Amino acid sequence: MSVELRPARVNTFAAEGKDHLLHVVRKEREDFYDVIDSTDDETWKTQTACTEWEIRDVVGHLVDVTEGYIERFGVARAKDAFPEALGLPGMASLLDSGAKRFRTSSRSQLIARLKGSSTKLFEIFDALTPDEWTSELIPHVYMGPLPTMIYPAFQLIDYSVHTWDMRAGLGEIQPLSSDAANTLIPYMIIVLQNTVDAEAAKGLDATWGVRISGDAGGTWKLQLKDGALTYAEGSVAGCPVVFNFDANDWVLTAYQRFPGGAVIGDRQLAYKIRRLFFKI
């Protein structure tokens, strides 16, 4: 997991980036809370831009993953054997079941449960030492052992993207905050690496460029070969197709909220690339 960083980016993969990442996650969590606290029993069931979920299911999802992370930190620190990872291809279905199992809870009960669980998880995050931030491994349900700093990054994805989902469902579409989108830029490449659809990738070897505007942006060359996606930051000259994004569109495209990115070059190849990834 190596990402070359420009000076305008904060390297949240390193211990020096801990305070920045936790600050941004807290702000996104606050925005998420503002949305759910403003609902009533009717708007609680509003369909969101995450098309399978209503607002109550998005909250259920955050409870599910938050409590799951707390449990997995406990497994690691008890020195128990790590459970076998379930793999990403089945993640969407299982997360859907995990979110919807809370539909019998009342609005007030579920919001209180999320806030209580999140407080406990952030106490764990706050207490992480520099060495733990980068070196301690926690067994993720679907991806296996991951360094601890990935977990607050996953929380940032959940709180920022799902706040966007809920607002869109309520007719209040607005971009992600600059801090959230910029912080998530390198994580989205990792998301793409891990969501290549094996069937869609069969027989396709391709190279393409990604250009992201803004102070935290840059250019990356991505290559799909034998079903595996690799990347390197640098010039995209010579790429048959280049996708141009701002940070907001890059994050929301990686999470398949819409097909963002202006295309320059081979449009047929761009069409195939957009369909290479499964949803999580």
C-alpha atoms as a PDB file:
ATOM      1  CA  MET A   1       0.000   0.000   0.000  1.00  0.00           C
ATOM      2  CA  SER A   2       2.145   2.869  -1.268  1.00  0.00           C
ATOM      3  CA  VAL A   3       0.892   6.272  -2.344  1.00  0.00           C
ATOM      4  CA  GLU A   4       3.241   9.095  -3.319  1.00  0.00           C
ATOM      5  CA  LEU A   5       1.999  12.241  -1.635  1.00  0.00           C
ATOM      6  CA  ARG A   6       2.177  15.834  -2.767  1.00  0.00           C
ATOM      7  CA  PRO A   7       2.874  18.498  -0.079  1.00  0.00           C
ATOM      8  CA  ALA A   8      -0.767  19.640  -0.114  1.00  0.00           C
ATOM      9  CA  ARG A   9      -1.945  16.221   0.974  1.00  0.00           C
ATOM     10  CA  VAL A  10      -1.903  14.991   4.545  1.00  0.00           C
ATOM     11  CA  ASN A  11      -0.540  11.457   4.692  1.00  0.00           C
ATOM     12  CA  THR A  12      -3.120   9.726   6.861  1.00  0.00           C
ATOM     13  CA  PHE A  13      -1.408   6.385   6.280  1.00  0.00           C
ATOM     14  CA  ALA A  14       1.353   7.680   8.574  1.00  0.00           C
ATOM     15  CA  ALA A  15       1.042   8.372  12.295  1.00  0.00           C
ATOM     16  CA  GLU A  16       1.559  12.084  11.633  1.00  0.00           C
ATOM     17  CA  GLY A  17      -1.791  12.110   9.831  1.00  0.00           C
ATOM     18  CA  LYS A  18      -3.800  10.664  12.726  1.00  0.00           C
ATOM     19  CA  ASP A  19      -5.045  13.961  14.145  1.00  0.00           C
ATOM     20  CA  HIS A  20      -6.079  15.214  10.717  1.00  0.00           C
ATOM     21  CA  LEU A  21      -7.984  12.050   9.828  1.00  0.00           C
ATOM     22  CA  LEU A  22      -9.804  11.873  13.158  1.00  0.00           C
ATOM     23  CA  HIS A  23     -10.677  15.575  12.946  1.00  0.00           C
ATOM     24  CA  VAL A  24     -12.208  15.115   9.491  1.00  0.00           C
ATOM     25  CA  VAL A  25     -14.096  11.962  10.519  1.00  0.00           C
ATOM     26  CA  ARG A  26     -15.546  13.724  13.544  1.00  0.00           C
ATOM     27  CA  LYS A  27     -16.768  16.594  11.374  1.00  0.00           C
ATOM     28  CA  GLU A  28     -18.401  14.191   8.923  1.00  0.00           C
ATOM     29  CA  ARG A  29     -19.965  12.255  11.789  1.00  0.00           C
ATOM     30  CA  GLU A  30     -21.378  15.509  13.146  1.00  0.00           C
ATOM     31  CA  ASP A  31     -22.953  16.256   9.757  1.00  0.00           C
ATOM     32  CA  PHE A  32     -24.373  12.725   9.644  1.00  0.00           C
ATOM     33  CA  TYR A  33     -25.875  13.199  13.103  1.00  0.00           C
ATOM     34  CA  ASP A  34     -27.390  16.534  12.052  1.00  0.00           C
ATOM     35  CA  VAL A  35     -29.238  14.800   9.214  1.00  0.00           C
ATOM     36  CA  ILE A  36     -30.580  11.883  11.231  1.00  0.00           C
ATOM     37  CA  ASP A  37     -31.496  14.077  14.209  1.00  0.00           C
ATOM     38  CA  SER A  38     -33.592  16.235  11.876  1.00  0.00           C
ATOM     39  CA  THR A  39     -35.720  13.295  10.708  1.00  0.00           C
ATOM     40  CA  ASP A  40     -39.100  12.301  12.071  1.00  0.00           C
ATOM     41  CA  ASP A  41     -40.912   8.976  11.912  1.00  0.00           C
ATOM     42  CA  GLU A  42     -41.960   9.695   8.319  1.00  0.00           C
ATOM     43  CA  THR A  43     -38.668  10.964   6.860  1.00  0.00           C
ATOM     44  CA  TRP A  44     -36.855   8.174   8.761  1.00  0.00           C
ATOM     45  CA  LYS A  45     -38.065   5.895   5.945  1.00  0.00           C
ATOM     46  CA  THR A  46     -36.958   8.155   3.076  1.00  0.00           C
ATOM     47  CA  GLN A  47     -35.253   6.326   0.204  1.00  0.00           C
ATOM     48  CA  THR A  48     -31.617   7.401  -0.127  1.00  0.00           C
ATOM     49  CA  ALA A  49     -29.201   7.542  -3.074  1.00  0.00           C
ATOM     50  CA  CYS A  50     -27.867   4.236  -1.798  1.00  0.00           C
ATOM     51  CA  THR A  51     -30.800   2.706  -3.598  1.00  0.00           C
ATOM     52  CA  GLU A  52     -31.280  -0.373  -1.418  1.00  0.00           C
ATOM     53  CA  TRP A  53     -31.498   1.648   1.797  1.00  0.00           C
ATOM     54  CA  GLU A  54     -33.790   4.081   3.528  1.00  0.00           C
ATOM     55  CA  ILE A  55     -32.359   6.517   6.068  1.00  0.00           C
ATOM     56  CA  ARG A  56     -33.092   4.074   8.879  1.00  0.00           C
ATOM     57  CA  ASP A  57     -31.044   1.408   7.041  1.00  0.00           C
ATOM     58  CA  VAL A  58     -28.081   3.760   6.623  1.00  0.00           C
ATOM     59  CA  VAL A  59     -28.125   4.300  10.389  1.00  0.00           C
ATOM     60  CA  GLY A  60     -28.451   0.551  10.876  1.00  0.00           C
ATOM     61  CA  HIS A  61     -25.416   0.054   8.634  1.00  0.00           C
ATOM     62  CA  LEU A  62     -23.339   2.442  10.738  1.00  0.00           C
ATOM     63  CA  VAL A  63     -24.380   0.585  13.892  1.00  0.00           C
ATOM     64  CA  ASP A  64     -23.507  -2.731  12.252  1.00  0.00           C
ATOM     65  CA  VAL A  65     -20.014  -1.738  11.123  1.00  0.00           C
ATOM     66  CA  THR A  66     -19.198   0.351  14.210  1.00  0.00           C
ATOM     67  CA  GLU A  67     -20.026  -2.460  16.605  1.00  0.00           C
ATOM     68  CA  GLY A  68     -18.251  -4.889  14.288  1.00  0.00           C
ATOM     69  CA  TYR A  69     -15.065  -2.816  14.429  1.00  0.00           C
ATOM     70  CA  ILE A  70     -15.205  -2.684  18.232  1.00  0.00           C
ATOM     71  CA  GLU A  71     -15.579  -6.456  18.308  1.00  0.00           C
ATOM     72  CA  ARG A  72     -12.642  -6.968  15.929  1.00  0.00           C
ATOM     73  CA  PHE A  73     -10.357  -4.711  17.952  1.00  0.00           C
ATOM     74  CA  GLY A  74     -11.293  -6.886  20.932  1.00  0.00           C
ATOM     75  CA  VAL A  75     -10.416 -10.073  19.006  1.00  0.00           C
ATOM     76  CA  ALA A  76      -7.001  -8.693  18.034  1.00  0.00           C
ATOM     77  CA  ARG A  77      -6.149  -7.453  21.499  1.00  0.00           C
ATOM     78  CA  ALA A  78      -7.254 -10.673  23.175  1.00  0.00           C
ATOM     79  CA  LYS A  79      -4.709 -12.413  20.920  1.00  0.00           C
ATOM     80  CA  ASP A  80      -7.452 -14.702  19.644  1.00  0.00           C
ATOM     81  CA  ALA A  81      -7.060 -16.428  16.284  1.00  0.00           C
ATOM     82  CA  PHE A  82      -8.209 -14.161  13.472  1.00  0.00           C
ATOM     83  CA  PRO A  83     -11.470 -15.330  11.865  1.00  0.00           C
ATOM     84  CA  GLU A  84     -11.247 -16.161   8.164  1.00  0.00           C
ATOM     85  CA  ALA A  85     -12.119 -13.201   5.941  1.00  0.00           C
ATOM     86  CA  LEU A  86     -15.397 -13.552   4.036  1.00  0.00           C
ATOM     87  CA  GLY A  87     -14.139 -11.748   0.906  1.00  0.00           C
ATOM     88  CA  LEU A  88     -15.421  -8.624  -0.804  1.00  0.00           C
ATOM     89  CA  PRO A  89     -17.646 -10.084  -3.571  1.00  0.00           C
ATOM     90  CA  GLY A  90     -20.344 -11.048  -1.039  1.00  0.00           C
ATOM     91  CA  MET A  91     -19.912  -7.929   1.098  1.00  0.00           C
ATOM     92  CA  ALA A  92     -22.785  -5.890  -0.351  1.00  0.00           C
ATOM     93  CA  SER A  93     -25.376  -8.583   0.335  1.00  0.00           C
ATOM     94  CA  LEU A  94     -24.189  -9.212   3.879  1.00  0.00           C
ATOM     95  CA  LEU A  95     -23.977  -5.509   4.696  1.00  0.00           C
ATOM     96  CA  ASP A  96     -27.519  -5.112   3.412  1.00  0.00           C
ATOM     97  CA  SER A  97     -28.731  -7.806   5.796  1.00  0.00           C
ATOM     98  CA  GLY A  98     -26.730  -6.262   8.618  1.00  0.00           C
ATOM     99  CA  ALA A  99     -28.270  -2.845   8.050  1.00  0.00           C
ATOM    100  CA  LYS A 100     -31.861  -4.016   7.725  1.00  0.00           C
ATOM    101  CA  ARG A 101     -31.834  -6.205  10.834  1.00  0.00           C
ATOM    102  CA  PHE A 102     -32.399  -3.027  12.867  1.00  0.00           C
ATOM    103  CA  ARG A 103     -35.702  -2.108  11.207  1.00  0.00           C
ATOM    104  CA  THR A 104     -37.587  -3.282  14.286  1.00  0.00           C
ATOM    105  CA  SER A 105     -35.763  -0.670  16.402  1.00  0.00           C
ATOM    106  CA  SER A 106     -37.387   2.705  16.892  1.00  0.00           C
ATOM    107  CA  ARG A 107     -35.784   5.811  15.458  1.00  0.00           C
ATOM    108  CA  SER A 108     -34.726   7.097  18.882  1.00  0.00           C
ATOM    109  CA  GLN A 109     -33.369   3.706  19.969  1.00  0.00           C
ATOM    110  CA  LEU A 110     -31.241   3.246  16.876  1.00  0.00           C
ATOM    111  CA  ILE A 111     -29.816   6.767  16.874  1.00  0.00           C
ATOM    112  CA  ALA A 112     -28.897   6.419  20.557  1.00  0.00           C
ATOM    113  CA  ARG A 113     -27.283   3.044  19.895  1.00  0.00           C
ATOM    114  CA  LEU A 114     -25.176   4.467  17.067  1.00  0.00           C
ATOM    115  CA  LYS A 115     -23.988   7.439  19.108  1.00  0.00           C
ATOM    116  CA  GLY A 116     -23.094   5.243  22.082  1.00  0.00           C
ATOM    117  CA  SER A 117     -21.203   2.726  19.968  1.00  0.00           C
ATOM    118  CA  SER A 118     -19.407   5.442  18.019  1.00  0.00           C
ATOM    119  CA  THR A 119     -18.218   7.077  21.235  1.00  0.00           C
ATOM    120  CA  LYS A 120     -16.644   3.764  22.269  1.00  0.00           C
ATOM    121  CA  LEU A 121     -14.981   3.258  18.882  1.00  0.00           C
ATOM    122  CA  PHE A 122     -13.511   6.764  18.852  1.00  0.00           C
ATOM    123  CA  GLU A 123     -12.092   6.194  22.310  1.00  0.00           C
ATOM    124  CA  ILE A 124     -10.146   3.311  20.761  1.00  0.00           C
ATOM    125  CA  PHE A 125      -9.045   5.487  17.841  1.00  0.00           C
ATOM    126  CA  ASP A 126      -7.953   8.355  20.097  1.00  0.00           C
ATOM    127  CA  ALA A 127      -5.836   6.037  22.240  1.00  0.00           C
ATOM    128  CA  LEU A 128      -3.866   4.549  19.325  1.00  0.00           C
ATOM    129  CA  THR A 129      -0.135   5.096  19.619  1.00  0.00           C
ATOM    130  CA  PRO A 130       1.927   6.041  16.551  1.00  0.00           C
ATOM    131  CA  ASP A 131       3.175   2.466  16.295  1.00  0.00           C
ATOM    132  CA  GLU A 132      -0.349   1.037  16.626  1.00  0.00           C
ATOM    133  CA  TRP A 133      -1.632   3.429  13.941  1.00  0.00           C
ATOM    134  CA  THR A 134       0.597   1.842  11.303  1.00  0.00           C
ATOM    135  CA  SER A 135       1.587  -1.583  12.627  1.00  0.00           C
ATOM    136  CA  GLU A 136      -1.216  -3.116  14.679  1.00  0.00           C
ATOM    137  CA  LEU A 137      -3.339  -5.463  12.577  1.00  0.00           C
ATOM    138  CA  ILE A 138      -7.099  -5.800  13.120  1.00  0.00           C
ATOM    139  CA  PRO A 139      -9.051  -8.576  11.330  1.00  0.00           C
ATOM    140  CA  HIS A 140     -11.621  -7.017   8.985  1.00  0.00           C
ATOM    141  CA  VAL A 141     -14.718  -9.172   8.431  1.00  0.00           C
ATOM    142  CA  TYR A 142     -14.359  -9.130   4.645  1.00  0.00           C
ATOM    143  CA  MET A 143     -10.751  -8.127   3.916  1.00  0.00           C
ATOM    144  CA  GLY A 144      -8.742  -9.886   6.618  1.00  0.00           C
ATOM    145  CA  PRO A 145      -5.998  -8.257   8.745  1.00  0.00           C
ATOM    146  CA  LEU A 146      -5.653  -4.514   8.109  1.00  0.00           C
ATOM    147  CA  PRO A 147      -3.628  -1.795   9.883  1.00  0.00           C
ATOM    148  CA  THR A 148      -5.627   0.181  12.417  1.00  0.00           C
ATOM    149  CA  MET A 149      -5.570   3.470  10.481  1.00  0.00           C
ATOM    150  CA  ILE A 150      -7.750   1.879   7.807  1.00  0.00           C
ATOM    151  CA  TYR A 151     -10.676   1.723  10.238  1.00  0.00           C
ATOM    152  CA  PRO A 152     -11.099   5.478  10.800  1.00  0.00           C
ATOM    153  CA  ALA A 153     -10.642   5.885   7.034  1.00  0.00           C
ATOM    154  CA  PHE A 154     -13.518   3.448   6.488  1.00  0.00           C
ATOM    155  CA  GLN A 155     -15.549   5.460   8.986  1.00  0.00           C
ATOM    156  CA  LEU A 156     -14.802   8.586   6.946  1.00  0.00           C
ATOM    157  CA  ILE A 157     -16.091   6.855   3.825  1.00  0.00           C
ATOM    158  CA  ASP A 158     -19.256   5.749   5.601  1.00  0.00           C
ATOM    159  CA  TYR A 159     -20.072   9.049   7.266  1.00  0.00           C
ATOM    160  CA  SER A 160     -19.286  11.261   4.280  1.00  0.00           C
ATOM    161  CA  VAL A 161     -20.721   9.161   1.447  1.00  0.00           C
ATOM    162  CA  HIS A 162     -23.825   8.108   3.367  1.00  0.00           C
ATOM    163  CA  THR A 163     -24.528  11.660   4.480  1.00  0.00           C
ATOM    164  CA  TRP A 164     -24.472  12.520   0.768  1.00  0.00           C
ATOM    165  CA  ASP A 165     -26.849   9.586   0.154  1.00  0.00           C
ATOM    166  CA  MET A 166     -29.331  10.740   2.776  1.00  0.00           C
ATOM    167  CA  ARG A 167     -29.283  14.365   1.684  1.00  0.00           C
ATOM    168  CA  ALA A 168     -29.809  13.320  -1.933  1.00  0.00           C
ATOM    169  CA  GLY A 169     -32.830  11.289  -0.851  1.00  0.00           C
ATOM    170  CA  LEU A 170     -34.178  14.333   0.945  1.00  0.00           C
ATOM    171  CA  GLY A 171     -33.669  16.466  -2.171  1.00  0.00           C
ATOM    172  CA  GLU A 172     -30.635  18.297  -0.800  1.00  0.00           C
ATOM    173  CA  ILE A 173     -27.845  17.216  -3.159  1.00  0.00           C
ATOM    174  CA  GLN A 174     -24.549  18.902  -2.353  1.00  0.00           C
ATOM    175  CA  PRO A 175     -20.921  17.888  -2.808  1.00  0.00           C
ATOM    176  CA  LEU A 176     -18.826  16.180  -0.188  1.00  0.00           C
ATOM    177  CA  SER A 177     -16.847  18.512   2.004  1.00  0.00           C
ATOM    178  CA  SER A 178     -13.440  19.409   0.574  1.00  0.00           C
ATOM    179  CA  ASP A 179     -11.673  17.946   3.623  1.00  0.00           C
ATOM    180  CA  ALA A 180     -13.463  14.602   3.273  1.00  0.00           C
ATOM    181  CA  ALA A 181     -13.055  14.308  -0.487  1.00  0.00           C
ATOM    182  CA  ASN A 182      -9.384  15.342  -0.438  1.00  0.00           C
ATOM    183  CA  THR A 183      -8.549  12.987   2.422  1.00  0.00           C
ATOM    184  CA  LEU A 184     -10.193  10.069   0.625  1.00  0.00           C
ATOM    185  CA  ILE A 185      -8.395  10.525  -2.721  1.00  0.00           C
ATOM    186  CA  PRO A 186      -5.750   7.801  -2.183  1.00  0.00           C
ATOM    187  CA  TYR A 187      -8.176   5.414  -0.498  1.00  0.00           C
ATOM    188  CA  MET A 188     -10.371   5.320  -3.581  1.00  0.00           C
ATOM    189  CA  ILE A 189      -7.579   3.787  -5.648  1.00  0.00           C
ATOM    190  CA  ILE A 190      -7.346   1.028  -3.044  1.00  0.00           C
ATOM    191  CA  VAL A 191     -11.125   0.576  -3.264  1.00  0.00           C
ATOM    192  CA  LEU A 192     -10.832   0.094  -7.027  1.00  0.00           C
ATOM    193  CA  GLN A 193      -7.983  -2.395  -6.612  1.00  0.00           C
ATOM    194  CA  ASN A 194     -10.128  -4.535  -4.358  1.00  0.00           C
ATOM    195  CA  THR A 195     -13.367  -4.377  -6.352  1.00  0.00           C
ATOM    196  CA  VAL A 196     -12.233  -5.576  -9.772  1.00  0.00           C
ATOM    197  CA  ASP A 197     -14.918  -7.908 -11.064  1.00  0.00           C
ATOM    198  CA  ALA A 198     -13.126 -11.065 -12.201  1.00  0.00           C
ATOM    199  CA  GLU A 199     -15.713 -11.825 -14.883  1.00  0.00           C
ATOM    200  CA  ALA A 200     -15.670  -8.298 -16.319  1.00  0.00           C
ATOM    201  CA  ALA A 201     -11.856  -8.288 -16.318  1.00  0.00           C
ATOM    202  CA  LYS A 202     -11.489 -11.527 -18.280  1.00  0.00           C
ATOM    203  CA  GLY A 203      -9.458 -11.003 -21.421  1.00  0.00           C
ATOM    204  CA  LEU A 204      -8.968  -7.284 -20.786  1.00  0.00           C
ATOM    205  CA  ASP A 205      -5.526  -5.794 -20.311  1.00  0.00           C
ATOM    206  CA  ALA A 206      -5.724  -2.013 -20.214  1.00  0.00           C
ATOM    207  CA  THR A 207      -3.905   1.125 -19.128  1.00  0.00           C
ATOM    208  CA  TRP A 208      -5.603   4.408 -18.328  1.00  0.00           C
ATOM    209  CA  GLY A 209      -4.954   7.678 -16.591  1.00  0.00           C
ATOM    210  CA  VAL A 210      -6.735   9.456 -13.746  1.00  0.00           C
ATOM    211  CA  ARG A 211      -6.305  13.182 -13.251  1.00  0.00           C
ATOM    212  CA  ILE A 212      -7.751  14.770 -10.101  1.00  0.00           C
ATOM    213  CA  SER A 213      -7.863  18.550  -9.855  1.00  0.00           C
ATOM    214  CA  GLY A 214      -7.281  20.647  -6.763  1.00  0.00           C
ATOM    215  CA  ASP A 215      -4.457  21.130  -4.279  1.00  0.00           C
ATOM    216  CA  ALA A 216      -4.660  17.526  -3.059  1.00  0.00           C
ATOM    217  CA  GLY A 217      -5.038  16.080  -6.541  1.00  0.00           C
ATOM    218  CA  GLY A 218      -2.556  14.676  -8.991  1.00  0.00           C
ATOM    219  CA  THR A 219      -2.243  12.198 -11.836  1.00  0.00           C
ATOM    220  CA  TRP A 220      -2.081   8.428 -11.673  1.00  0.00           C
ATOM    221  CA  LYS A 221      -1.528   5.723 -14.265  1.00  0.00           C
ATOM    222  CA  LEU A 222      -3.603   2.593 -13.640  1.00  0.00           C
ATOM    223  CA  GLN A 223      -3.014  -0.761 -15.292  1.00  0.00           C
ATOM    224  CA  LEU A 224      -5.199  -3.846 -15.381  1.00  0.00           C
ATOM    225  CA  LYS A 225      -3.317  -7.017 -16.267  1.00  0.00           C
ATOM    226  CA  ASP A 226      -4.389 -10.609 -15.654  1.00  0.00           C
ATOM    227  CA  GLY A 227      -7.282  -9.383 -13.524  1.00  0.00           C
ATOM    228  CA  ALA A 228      -5.088  -7.370 -11.118  1.00  0.00           C
ATOM    229  CA  LEU A 229      -5.096  -3.574 -10.893  1.00  0.00           C
ATOM    230  CA  THR A 230      -1.872  -1.696 -10.166  1.00  0.00           C
ATOM    231  CA  TYR A 231      -1.159   2.023 -10.096  1.00  0.00           C
ATOM    232  CA  ALA A 232       1.589   4.601  -9.891  1.00  0.00           C
ATOM    233  CA  GLU A 233       1.452   8.337  -9.453  1.00  0.00           C
ATOM    234  CA  GLY A 234       3.035  10.220 -12.322  1.00  0.00           C
ATOM    235  CA  SER A 235       2.526  11.306 -15.904  1.00  0.00           C
ATOM    236  CA  VAL A 236      -0.508  10.010 -17.810  1.00  0.00           C
ATOM    237  CA  ALA A 237       1.046  10.858 -21.165  1.00  0.00           C
ATOM    238  CA  GLY A 238       0.558   8.045 -23.625  1.00  0.00           C
ATOM    239  CA  CYS A 239      -2.489   6.586 -21.871  1.00  0.00           C
ATOM    240  CA  PRO A 240      -5.184   5.696 -24.420  1.00  0.00           C
ATOM    241  CA  VAL A 241      -7.843   7.218 -22.179  1.00  0.00           C
ATOM    242  CA  VAL A 242      -7.726   9.662 -19.273  1.00  0.00           C
ATOM    243  CA  PHE A 243     -10.512  10.399 -16.785  1.00  0.00           C
ATOM    244  CA  ASN A 244     -10.577  13.930 -15.339  1.00  0.00           C
ATOM    245  CA  PHE A 245     -12.191  14.380 -11.927  1.00  0.00           C
ATOM    246  CA  ASP A 246     -12.489  16.803  -9.101  1.00  0.00           C
ATOM    247  CA  ALA A 247     -12.071  15.182  -5.678  1.00  0.00           C
ATOM    248  CA  ASN A 248     -15.818  14.976  -5.016  1.00  0.00           C
ATOM    249  CA  ASP A 249     -16.607  13.233  -8.294  1.00  0.00           C
ATOM    250  CA  TRP A 250     -13.644  10.897  -7.876  1.00  0.00           C
ATOM    251  CA  VAL A 251     -14.915   9.609  -4.519  1.00  0.00           C
ATOM    252  CA  LEU A 252     -18.551   9.318  -5.554  1.00  0.00           C
ATOM    253  CA  THR A 253     -17.619   7.648  -8.843  1.00  0.00           C
ATOM    254  CA  ALA A 254     -15.418   5.091  -7.078  1.00  0.00           C
ATOM    255  CA  TYR A 255     -18.433   4.317  -4.883  1.00  0.00           C
ATOM    256  CA  GLN A 256     -20.622   4.104  -7.995  1.00  0.00           C
ATOM    257  CA  ARG A 257     -22.995   6.874  -7.036  1.00  0.00           C
ATOM    258  CA  PHE A 258     -22.719   8.215 -10.586  1.00  0.00           C
ATOM    259  CA  PRO A 259     -20.327   7.835 -13.562  1.00  0.00           C
ATOM    260  CA  GLY A 260     -18.286  11.008 -13.087  1.00  0.00           C
ATOM    261  CA  GLY A 261     -15.079  12.014 -14.796  1.00  0.00           C
ATOM    262  CA  ALA A 262     -14.722  13.712 -18.153  1.00  0.00           C
ATOM    263  CA  VAL A 263     -13.214  11.284 -20.659  1.00  0.00           C
ATOM    264  CA  ILE A 264     -10.384  12.166 -23.028  1.00  0.00           C
ATOM    265  CA  GLY A 265      -9.369   9.505 -25.526  1.00  0.00           C
ATOM    266  CA  ASP A 266     -10.716   6.039 -26.312  1.00  0.00           C
ATOM    267  CA  ARG A 267     -14.379   6.131 -25.325  1.00  0.00           C
ATOM    268  CA  GLN A 268     -14.963   2.436 -25.993  1.00  0.00           C
ATOM    269  CA  LEU A 269     -12.183   1.576 -23.569  1.00  0.00           C
ATOM    270  CA  ALA A 270     -13.578   4.086 -21.058  1.00  0.00           C
ATOM    271  CA  TYR A 271     -16.944   2.310 -21.273  1.00  0.00           C
ATOM    272  CA  LYS A 272     -15.290  -1.037 -20.430  1.00  0.00           C
ATOM    273  CA  ILE A 273     -13.284   0.460 -17.574  1.00  0.00           C
ATOM    274  CA  ARG A 274     -16.388   1.951 -15.959  1.00  0.00           C
ATOM    275  CA  ARG A 275     -17.908  -1.544 -15.837  1.00  0.00           C
ATOM    276  CA  LEU A 276     -14.902  -3.313 -14.360  1.00  0.00           C
ATOM    277  CA  PHE A 277     -15.866  -2.938 -10.699  1.00  0.00           C
ATOM    278  CA  PHE A 278     -18.463  -4.501  -8.443  1.00  0.00           C
ATOM    279  CA  LYS A 279     -20.350  -2.551  -5.782  1.00  0.00           C
ATOM    280  CA  ILE A 280     -19.559  -2.803  -2.100  1.00  0.00           C
END
